Protein backbone atom coordinates (compact mmCIF):
# COMPACT_ATOMS: atom_id res chain seq x y z
CA UNK A 1 0.09 -0.05 -0.07
CA UNK A 2 0.94 3.71 -0.57
CA UNK A 3 0.40 6.02 2.34
CA UNK A 4 -0.37 9.70 1.42
CA UNK A 5 -0.08 12.45 4.00
CA UNK A 6 -1.49 15.98 3.50
CA UNK A 7 -0.42 18.41 6.33
CA UNK A 8 -2.58 21.37 6.41
CA UNK A 9 -2.87 24.35 8.82
CA UNK A 10 -5.59 22.85 10.91
CA UNK A 11 -5.59 19.05 10.03
CA UNK A 12 -3.38 16.33 8.85
CA UNK A 13 -5.14 14.01 6.31
CA UNK A 14 -3.78 10.59 5.88
CA UNK A 15 -5.00 8.07 3.19
CA UNK A 16 -3.81 4.56 2.29
CA UNK A 17 -4.20 3.30 -1.39
CA UNK A 18 -4.06 -0.38 -2.46
CA UNK A 19 -2.01 -1.68 -5.51
CA UNK A 20 -4.93 -0.92 -7.73
CA UNK A 21 -5.14 2.86 -6.76
CA UNK A 22 -8.16 2.54 -4.60
CA UNK A 23 -8.40 4.62 -1.39
CA UNK A 24 -8.96 1.91 1.32
CA UNK A 25 -8.63 3.96 4.41
CA UNK A 26 -8.58 7.64 5.47
CA UNK A 27 -8.34 9.36 8.73
CA UNK A 28 -7.35 12.73 10.24
CA UNK A 29 -5.29 14.15 13.25
CA UNK A 30 -5.05 17.82 14.30
CA UNK A 31 -2.03 19.79 13.29
CA UNK A 32 0.27 20.79 16.12
CA UNK A 33 3.81 22.10 15.50
CA UNK A 34 4.62 21.64 19.14
CA UNK A 35 4.07 17.97 19.00
CA UNK A 36 7.42 15.87 18.76
CA UNK A 37 8.15 13.16 16.24
CA UNK A 38 7.60 10.67 19.17
CA UNK A 39 4.16 11.96 19.86
CA UNK A 40 3.20 11.93 16.04
CA UNK A 41 4.53 8.28 16.04
CA UNK A 42 2.35 7.13 18.79
CA UNK A 43 -0.79 8.84 17.28
CA UNK A 44 -0.15 7.29 13.94
CA UNK A 45 0.41 3.83 15.18
CA UNK A 46 -2.83 4.29 17.26
CA UNK A 47 -4.75 5.18 14.18
CA UNK A 48 -3.24 2.33 12.16
CA UNK A 49 -3.89 -0.13 14.89
CA UNK A 50 -7.58 0.96 15.17
CA UNK A 51 -8.03 0.56 11.46
CA UNK A 52 -6.39 -2.73 11.55
CA UNK A 53 -3.51 -1.80 9.12
CA UNK A 54 -0.28 -3.67 9.17
CA UNK A 55 2.76 -1.22 8.98
CA UNK A 56 4.46 -3.92 6.81
CA UNK A 57 1.79 -3.58 4.09
CA UNK A 58 3.01 -0.03 3.33
CA UNK A 59 5.71 0.10 0.90
CA UNK A 60 5.60 3.75 -0.34
CA UNK A 61 4.87 7.17 1.05
CA UNK A 62 4.33 10.70 -0.32
CA UNK A 63 4.04 13.96 1.74
CA UNK A 64 2.51 17.42 1.02
CA UNK A 65 2.90 20.18 3.49
CA UNK A 66 2.08 23.81 4.03
CA UNK A 67 4.03 23.95 7.39
CA UNK A 68 7.76 23.56 6.50
CA UNK A 69 8.70 22.76 10.12
CA UNK A 70 6.74 19.57 10.07
CA UNK A 71 8.46 18.25 6.89
CA UNK A 72 11.45 16.93 8.94
CA UNK A 73 9.05 15.76 11.59
CA UNK A 74 7.04 13.71 9.44
CA UNK A 75 9.98 12.36 7.33
CA UNK A 76 11.16 10.93 10.49
CA UNK A 77 7.84 9.54 11.59
CA UNK A 78 7.51 7.72 8.26
CA UNK A 79 10.99 6.40 8.44
CA UNK A 80 10.45 5.17 11.96
CA UNK A 81 6.92 3.59 11.45
CA UNK A 82 7.35 2.09 7.96
CA UNK A 83 11.12 2.17 7.40
CA UNK A 84 10.82 4.10 4.10
CA UNK A 85 11.70 7.62 2.85
CA UNK A 86 8.67 9.72 1.74
CA UNK A 87 8.46 11.47 -1.59
CA UNK A 88 7.85 15.30 -0.63
CA UNK A 89 5.93 17.35 -3.12
CA UNK A 90 7.92 20.42 -4.14
CA UNK A 91 9.86 21.97 -6.96
CA UNK A 92 11.26 19.20 -9.27
CA UNK A 93 8.49 16.73 -8.46
CA UNK A 94 6.47 15.75 -11.57
CA UNK A 95 2.75 16.59 -11.34
CA UNK A 96 1.49 16.18 -14.99
CA UNK A 97 0.54 19.87 -14.92
CA UNK A 98 2.47 22.77 -16.43
CA UNK A 99 2.85 25.56 -13.70
CA UNK A 100 2.10 29.04 -15.18
CA UNK A 101 2.69 30.98 -12.03
CA UNK A 102 4.70 34.26 -11.67
CA UNK A 103 6.71 32.88 -8.61
CA UNK A 104 6.30 29.00 -8.62
CA UNK A 105 8.17 28.68 -5.39
CA UNK A 106 5.41 30.54 -3.54
CA UNK A 107 2.75 28.15 -4.76
CA UNK A 108 1.48 25.91 -2.02
CA UNK A 109 1.78 22.15 -2.65
CA UNK A 110 -1.97 21.87 -1.33
CA UNK A 111 -3.14 23.82 -4.19
CA UNK A 112 -1.37 21.62 -6.78
CA UNK A 113 -2.36 18.19 -5.42
CA UNK A 114 -6.12 18.97 -5.51
CA UNK A 115 -5.64 20.09 -9.23
CA UNK A 116 -3.78 16.97 -10.16
CA UNK A 117 -6.54 14.64 -8.87
CA UNK A 118 -9.18 16.84 -10.44
CA UNK A 119 -7.52 16.64 -13.86
CA UNK A 120 -7.34 12.81 -13.58
CA UNK A 121 -10.86 12.35 -12.37
CA UNK A 122 -12.78 15.09 -14.12
CA UNK A 123 -10.78 16.35 -16.89
CA UNK A 124 -9.60 19.94 -17.77
CA UNK A 125 -10.53 22.89 -17.80
CA UNK A 126 -11.75 23.34 -14.27
CA UNK A 127 -11.74 25.46 -11.09
CA UNK A 128 -11.13 23.74 -7.79
CA UNK A 129 -12.62 25.49 -4.69
CA UNK A 130 -10.78 24.19 -1.65
CA UNK A 131 -12.55 25.01 1.68
CA UNK A 132 -9.88 24.76 4.30
CA UNK A 133 -8.33 27.15 6.90
CA UNK A 134 -8.13 29.37 3.77
CA UNK A 135 -10.47 29.14 0.89
CA UNK A 136 -8.57 28.80 -2.29
CA UNK A 137 -9.74 28.78 -5.98
CA UNK A 138 -7.31 27.16 -8.36
CA UNK A 139 -7.59 27.19 -12.12
CA UNK A 140 -6.41 24.78 -14.71
CA UNK A 141 -7.01 25.37 -18.45
CA UNK A 142 -7.68 22.98 -21.27
CA UNK A 143 -4.01 22.58 -21.87
CA UNK A 144 -3.51 21.17 -18.35
CA UNK A 145 -1.77 24.33 -17.36
CA UNK A 146 -2.16 25.65 -13.77
CA UNK A 147 -2.69 29.41 -14.49
CA UNK A 148 -3.47 30.88 -10.85
CA UNK A 149 -6.42 31.45 -8.87
CA UNK A 150 -7.41 33.28 -5.60
CA UNK A 151 -7.02 32.97 -1.80
CA UNK A 152 -9.41 34.16 0.97
CA UNK A 153 -9.99 33.51 4.51
CA UNK A 154 -11.78 30.20 5.33
CA UNK A 155 -15.37 30.04 6.57
CA UNK A 156 -14.48 28.69 10.17
CA UNK A 157 -11.52 31.18 10.37
CA UNK A 158 -13.78 34.13 9.40
CA UNK A 159 -16.23 33.19 12.12
CA UNK A 160 -13.41 32.94 14.61
CA UNK A 161 -11.88 36.18 13.60
CA UNK A 162 -15.20 38.06 14.19
CA UNK A 163 -15.17 36.88 17.88
CA UNK A 164 -11.52 37.38 18.35
CA UNK A 165 -11.15 40.79 16.88
CA UNK A 166 -14.34 42.51 18.17
CA UNK A 167 -15.27 43.42 21.63
CA UNK A 168 -18.90 42.41 21.73
CA UNK A 169 -19.49 39.79 19.03
CA UNK A 170 -19.73 36.35 20.52
CA UNK A 171 -18.23 32.99 19.40
CA UNK A 172 -21.07 31.20 17.70
CA UNK A 173 -21.41 27.69 16.11
CA UNK A 174 -21.36 27.25 12.33
CA UNK A 175 -25.03 26.80 11.27
CA UNK A 176 -27.11 28.11 8.20
CA UNK A 177 -29.84 30.30 9.24
CA UNK A 178 -33.09 30.14 7.40
CA UNK A 179 -32.96 33.76 6.42
CA UNK A 180 -30.25 36.31 5.37
CA UNK A 181 -31.94 39.09 7.30
CA UNK A 182 -31.33 37.82 10.84
CA UNK A 183 -32.97 39.10 13.92
CA UNK A 184 -30.39 38.10 16.54
CA UNK A 185 -26.61 38.69 16.63
CA UNK A 186 -25.89 35.07 16.74
CA UNK A 187 -27.81 34.56 13.53
CA UNK A 188 -26.56 37.69 11.92
CA UNK A 189 -22.92 36.36 12.22
CA UNK A 190 -24.03 33.01 10.72
CA UNK A 191 -25.89 34.64 8.02
CA UNK A 192 -22.98 37.08 7.13
CA UNK A 193 -20.37 34.28 7.08
CA UNK A 194 -22.28 31.54 5.35
CA UNK A 195 -24.32 33.37 2.84
CA UNK A 196 -21.41 35.69 2.30
CA UNK A 197 -19.33 32.80 1.33
CA UNK A 198 -21.79 31.71 -1.04
CA UNK A 199 -21.87 35.16 -2.74
CA UNK A 200 -18.03 35.29 -2.68
CA UNK A 201 -17.40 31.98 -4.35
CA UNK A 202 -20.19 32.54 -6.92
CA UNK A 203 -18.62 35.97 -7.85
CA UNK A 204 -15.10 34.73 -7.84
CA UNK A 205 -15.94 31.68 -10.14
CA UNK A 206 -17.96 33.89 -12.60
CA UNK A 207 -15.03 36.35 -12.67
CA UNK A 208 -12.45 33.75 -13.24
CA UNK A 209 -14.48 32.41 -16.16
CA UNK A 210 -14.90 35.88 -17.69
CA UNK A 211 -11.18 36.63 -17.31
CA UNK A 212 -9.78 33.31 -18.79
CA UNK A 213 -12.57 32.63 -21.28
CA UNK A 214 -12.92 29.15 -19.67
CA UNK A 215 -16.73 29.49 -19.82
CA UNK A 216 -17.07 25.58 -19.93
CA UNK A 217 -14.73 24.99 -16.88
CA UNK A 218 -16.10 22.46 -14.38
CA UNK A 219 -16.32 23.79 -10.93
CA UNK A 220 -15.14 21.13 -8.24
CA UNK A 221 -15.31 21.66 -4.49
CA UNK A 222 -13.41 19.91 -1.91
CA UNK A 223 -13.00 20.43 1.98
CA UNK A 224 -15.52 20.03 4.74
CA UNK A 225 -17.45 23.41 4.10
CA UNK A 226 -18.36 22.45 0.55
CA UNK A 227 -21.77 20.69 1.35
CA UNK A 228 -22.97 23.56 3.47
CA UNK A 229 -22.61 25.98 0.56
CA UNK A 230 -23.93 23.46 -1.94
CA UNK A 231 -27.10 23.11 0.13
CA UNK A 232 -27.74 26.66 -0.34
CA UNK A 233 -27.10 27.19 -3.97
CA UNK A 234 -26.00 24.71 -6.73
CA UNK A 235 -22.31 26.32 -7.05
CA UNK A 236 -20.42 23.07 -7.94
CA UNK A 237 -20.52 20.44 -10.60
CA UNK A 238 -18.83 17.97 -8.27
CA UNK A 239 -17.88 17.78 -4.66
CA UNK A 240 -14.98 15.40 -3.75
CA UNK A 241 -13.63 15.61 -0.23
CA UNK A 242 -10.72 13.10 -0.97
CA UNK A 243 -9.13 15.27 -3.74
CA UNK A 244 -5.83 15.99 -1.85
CA UNK A 245 -5.13 12.36 -1.00
CA UNK A 246 -6.06 11.19 -4.49
CA UNK A 247 -3.79 13.84 -6.00
CA UNK A 248 -0.91 12.63 -3.76
CA UNK A 249 -1.36 9.23 -4.99
CA UNK A 250 -1.30 10.30 -8.62
CA UNK A 251 1.93 12.23 -8.18
CA UNK A 252 3.51 9.35 -6.36
CA UNK A 253 2.72 7.09 -9.28
CA UNK A 254 4.08 9.62 -11.84
CA UNK A 255 7.44 9.99 -9.96
CA UNK A 256 8.12 6.44 -8.66
CA UNK A 257 6.70 4.20 -11.40
CA UNK A 258 8.68 5.86 -14.31
């Protein structure tokens, strides 16, 4: 099996693919830069044991990270648990996409891995909307070129910021009120954040299509918040929460099976 690890700002997603490329298991742990390699080893072994996965069945590993200080940590974790060195997504790693970006070294690997999976599964051109700690929109044209996108604050982070940066606004749960015009502060925050996100994504997608001429581009969403927005308005052609793990597997296959 191949283990794929996507280290994000909030969560670390882990997937295991069999020899036929099927995602057999996936699970998450919280991201914490203060944890030591030993602590991550213990957590990973606990998750593997709970899911009845034999460490000896894993013969390949690939890692994507938006937190550089965890690259070294998880390289050691993978070496200790599985006895193998992981492939780390970065400059020089084959992705199957041409990168048309002003400063390629600034481009987060999390944005690329979802695009790789999307091209493989749904075909280009497309716009991937990834709802994570940040919400990113990533664009690939019909020549399989990554041509840029947009980044904004994520839905949960927006709600947390309102509470943290204001004196009187409370911390509220993430729910969708029945009306945009709310009659309580709690519902007004929920309305502004959730319905505001719908409007933001809708406008950005329309503007991207207009600017690029990719009027027939598919819109694919990933991340936990995608279904919340999709229940309000049909913004997406597809929703696929496992894009990042699938993309990592495809990149591993491209680089190791040559």
